[in-house]
């Protein structure tokens, strides 16, 4: 018999963020403000995690309203026709000497799904003042936006382009233990246990 634990993402203490180079000389940062995730692990072993993350594409924010509207339009995320970004994974490698796990998963943007590799660093486990068990991860990686059809750009006089092809992902994720259920060897469920207090 084993226990499966369900974890939810704490939006108020998490950030789904990214960064791109602008004019090839500076970095522009942005984030998505609305997201949710369902994560299931066997016991508290996160190498067994099955992850399903959904992000509201229209919640993108870069600190500039005109740029945000451009990003929501057809040349980028096309939020009218593609309301969500999704990431799903069931493959997490064991930690290396620095505590980094390889995190493999399928990232879907504008209806296009690509297999990507990210890095997840375990930040620790603790209980908040209300007895909720929490764990933290820093998730990072680099993707090429053109793989999902995000190809808009403009050449600049000094050479190069306005927006870099590579996008750096930088996320801080805090998860909350929602409780566990016992799974027998034949796959049937037993009575659910209360969350660890």
Protein backbone atom coordinates (compact mmCIF):
# COMPACT_ATOMS: atom_id res chain seq x y z
CA UNK A 1 0.00 0.00 0.00
CA UNK A 2 1.20 3.51 -0.76
CA UNK A 3 -0.06 7.03 -0.15
CA UNK A 4 -0.75 9.53 -2.91
CA UNK A 5 -0.56 13.17 -1.83
CA UNK A 6 -2.29 15.98 -3.72
CA UNK A 7 -0.63 19.41 -3.76
CA UNK A 8 -2.09 22.73 -4.90
CA UNK A 9 -0.16 25.81 -5.97
CA UNK A 10 -0.34 28.81 -3.64
CA UNK A 11 -0.92 31.74 -6.02
CA UNK A 12 -0.23 34.39 -3.39
CA UNK A 13 3.27 32.99 -2.78
CA UNK A 14 4.17 31.83 -6.29
CA UNK A 15 5.26 33.57 -9.47
CA UNK A 16 5.16 32.31 -13.07
CA UNK A 17 7.65 34.64 -14.73
CA UNK A 18 9.75 35.01 -17.86
CA UNK A 19 12.39 37.29 -19.34
CA UNK A 20 13.44 38.26 -22.89
CA UNK A 21 16.14 40.51 -24.27
CA UNK A 22 14.98 43.81 -25.82
CA UNK A 23 17.04 45.44 -28.59
CA UNK A 24 19.68 42.87 -27.59
CA UNK A 25 20.91 45.21 -24.84
CA UNK A 26 18.43 44.91 -21.94
CA UNK A 27 16.06 42.42 -20.36
CA UNK A 28 12.30 42.82 -20.13
CA UNK A 29 10.55 40.82 -17.41
CA UNK A 30 6.97 39.64 -17.31
CA UNK A 31 4.70 37.25 -15.50
CA UNK A 32 1.30 35.58 -15.59
CA UNK A 33 -0.90 36.60 -12.66
CA UNK A 34 -3.53 33.83 -12.79
CA UNK A 35 -2.73 30.12 -12.77
CA UNK A 36 -3.57 26.87 -11.02
CA UNK A 37 -1.98 23.47 -10.71
CA UNK A 38 -2.80 19.99 -9.56
CA UNK A 39 0.19 17.90 -8.50
CA UNK A 40 0.13 14.34 -7.17
CA UNK A 41 3.10 12.59 -5.57
CA UNK A 42 3.67 9.17 -4.05
CA UNK A 43 4.38 9.96 -0.42
CA UNK A 44 6.52 13.13 -0.39
CA UNK A 45 8.83 11.96 -3.17
CA UNK A 46 8.62 14.68 -5.84
CA UNK A 47 10.47 12.54 -8.37
CA UNK A 48 7.11 10.73 -8.65
CA UNK A 49 5.15 13.95 -9.26
CA UNK A 50 2.46 14.14 -11.92
CA UNK A 51 1.96 17.82 -12.76
CA UNK A 52 -0.88 19.63 -14.51
CA UNK A 53 -0.43 23.42 -14.65
CA UNK A 54 -2.87 25.81 -16.37
CA UNK A 55 -2.07 29.48 -16.95
CA UNK A 56 -4.55 32.19 -17.97
CA UNK A 57 -2.92 33.71 -21.07
CA UNK A 58 -4.82 36.99 -20.67
CA UNK A 59 -3.24 37.53 -17.23
CA UNK A 60 0.14 38.38 -18.76
CA UNK A 61 1.74 41.48 -17.28
CA UNK A 62 5.00 43.23 -18.21
CA UNK A 63 4.41 46.58 -16.54
CA UNK A 64 3.36 48.31 -19.77
CA UNK A 65 -0.30 48.19 -20.87
CA UNK A 66 0.40 48.75 -24.59
CA UNK A 67 2.98 45.98 -24.67
CA UNK A 68 0.64 43.69 -22.76
CA UNK A 69 -2.13 44.26 -25.31
CA UNK A 70 0.32 43.46 -28.12
CA UNK A 71 1.32 40.24 -26.38
CA UNK A 72 -2.35 39.26 -26.00
CA UNK A 73 -2.95 39.80 -29.73
CA UNK A 74 -2.66 37.47 -32.71
CA UNK A 75 1.04 38.14 -33.24
CA UNK A 76 1.83 36.57 -29.88
CA UNK A 77 -0.49 34.63 -27.53
CA UNK A 78 -3.80 35.27 -29.37
CA UNK A 79 -5.75 35.05 -26.11
CA UNK A 80 -9.15 35.28 -27.83
CA UNK A 81 -8.59 31.91 -29.48
CA UNK A 82 -6.12 30.34 -27.02
CA UNK A 83 -7.16 31.18 -23.50
CA UNK A 84 -4.69 28.98 -21.65
CA UNK A 85 -1.10 27.86 -21.59
CA UNK A 86 -0.59 24.38 -20.18
CA UNK A 87 2.31 22.41 -18.79
CA UNK A 88 2.03 18.73 -17.91
CA UNK A 89 4.73 16.39 -16.67
CA UNK A 90 5.27 12.99 -15.12
CA UNK A 91 9.06 12.83 -15.55
CA UNK A 92 11.33 14.35 -12.90
CA UNK A 93 14.92 13.26 -12.48
CA UNK A 94 16.71 12.74 -9.19
CA UNK A 95 18.51 15.75 -7.73
CA UNK A 96 22.11 16.44 -8.72
CA UNK A 97 24.80 17.63 -6.31
CA UNK A 98 23.33 21.15 -6.37
CA UNK A 99 19.78 20.01 -5.64
CA UNK A 100 18.54 20.54 -9.19
CA UNK A 101 16.07 18.11 -10.74
CA UNK A 102 15.56 17.72 -14.50
CA UNK A 103 11.89 18.43 -15.17
CA UNK A 104 10.59 17.14 -18.51
CA UNK A 105 7.12 17.99 -19.71
CA UNK A 106 4.79 19.09 -22.49
CA UNK A 107 4.29 22.85 -22.85
CA UNK A 108 1.27 23.96 -24.89
CA UNK A 109 1.06 27.51 -26.25
CA UNK A 110 -1.40 28.64 -28.96
CA UNK A 111 -2.47 25.04 -29.50
CA UNK A 112 1.10 23.86 -30.18
CA UNK A 113 2.63 21.30 -27.81
CA UNK A 114 6.39 20.84 -27.45
CA UNK A 115 8.41 18.63 -25.11
CA UNK A 116 10.71 20.79 -22.97
CA UNK A 117 13.35 20.34 -20.29
CA UNK A 118 13.38 22.63 -17.27
CA UNK A 119 15.30 22.65 -14.00
CA UNK A 120 13.51 22.41 -10.64
CA UNK A 121 15.42 23.17 -7.46
CA UNK A 122 13.87 22.05 -4.18
CA UNK A 123 13.74 24.95 -1.72
CA UNK A 124 12.59 23.09 1.35
CA UNK A 125 9.56 21.99 3.32
CA UNK A 126 7.88 23.80 6.23
CA UNK A 127 4.59 24.34 8.03
CA UNK A 128 2.90 27.73 8.04
CA UNK A 129 1.38 29.22 11.25
CA UNK A 130 -1.94 27.48 10.48
CA UNK A 131 -0.40 24.01 10.29
CA UNK A 132 -0.43 23.70 6.49
CA UNK A 133 2.49 21.77 5.05
CA UNK A 134 4.29 23.70 2.31
CA UNK A 135 7.10 22.93 -0.12
CA UNK A 136 8.95 25.31 -2.40
CA UNK A 137 10.65 24.99 -5.78
CA UNK A 138 12.49 27.32 -8.15
CA UNK A 139 11.80 26.33 -11.76
CA UNK A 140 13.97 27.69 -14.56
CA UNK A 141 14.87 27.05 -18.17
CA UNK A 142 15.25 28.51 -21.65
CA UNK A 143 12.89 27.95 -24.57
CA UNK A 144 12.70 29.28 -28.12
CA UNK A 145 9.46 31.16 -28.69
CA UNK A 146 9.38 30.38 -32.42
CA UNK A 147 8.80 26.70 -31.55
CA UNK A 148 5.24 27.76 -30.64
CA UNK A 149 4.73 30.15 -33.53
CA UNK A 150 5.57 33.30 -31.57
CA UNK A 151 7.66 34.71 -34.38
CA UNK A 152 6.86 38.44 -34.44
CA UNK A 153 9.95 40.64 -34.54
CA UNK A 154 11.42 43.79 -36.02
CA UNK A 155 14.93 44.51 -37.21
CA UNK A 156 16.86 47.37 -35.61
CA UNK A 157 19.28 49.76 -37.27
CA UNK A 158 22.28 48.58 -35.28
CA UNK A 159 21.72 44.98 -36.36
CA UNK A 160 19.81 42.16 -34.74
CA UNK A 161 16.17 42.24 -33.72
CA UNK A 162 13.93 43.96 -31.24
CA UNK A 163 12.98 40.83 -29.26
CA UNK A 164 15.23 37.85 -28.58
CA UNK A 165 14.35 34.38 -29.81
CA UNK A 166 15.20 32.82 -26.45
CA UNK A 167 12.86 33.22 -23.48
CA UNK A 168 14.16 32.59 -19.97
CA UNK A 169 11.65 30.97 -17.62
CA UNK A 170 12.01 31.86 -13.95
CA UNK A 171 9.32 30.62 -11.58
CA UNK A 172 8.98 30.51 -7.81
CA UNK A 173 6.45 27.88 -6.78
CA UNK A 174 5.01 27.19 -3.33
CA UNK A 175 2.80 24.12 -2.94
CA UNK A 176 0.30 23.22 -0.23
CA UNK A 177 -0.39 19.66 0.94
CA UNK A 178 -4.09 18.99 0.30
CA UNK A 179 -4.15 15.53 1.87
CA UNK A 180 -3.48 11.94 0.89
CA UNK A 181 -5.25 8.74 -0.03
CA UNK A 182 -4.02 5.21 0.32
CA UNK A 183 -3.62 3.18 -2.91
CA UNK A 184 -3.43 -0.61 -2.70
CA UNK A 185 -1.30 -2.73 -5.02
CA UNK A 186 -4.35 -3.46 -7.20
CA UNK A 187 -4.94 0.27 -7.67
CA UNK A 188 -8.04 0.61 -5.50
CA UNK A 189 -8.39 3.53 -3.10
CA UNK A 190 -8.77 3.42 0.65
CA UNK A 191 -10.23 6.06 2.93
CA UNK A 192 -8.57 9.43 2.39
CA UNK A 193 -6.28 10.72 5.10
CA UNK A 194 -6.44 14.25 6.45
CA UNK A 195 -3.71 16.72 5.42
CA UNK A 196 -0.66 16.67 7.64
CA UNK A 197 -1.11 19.25 10.40
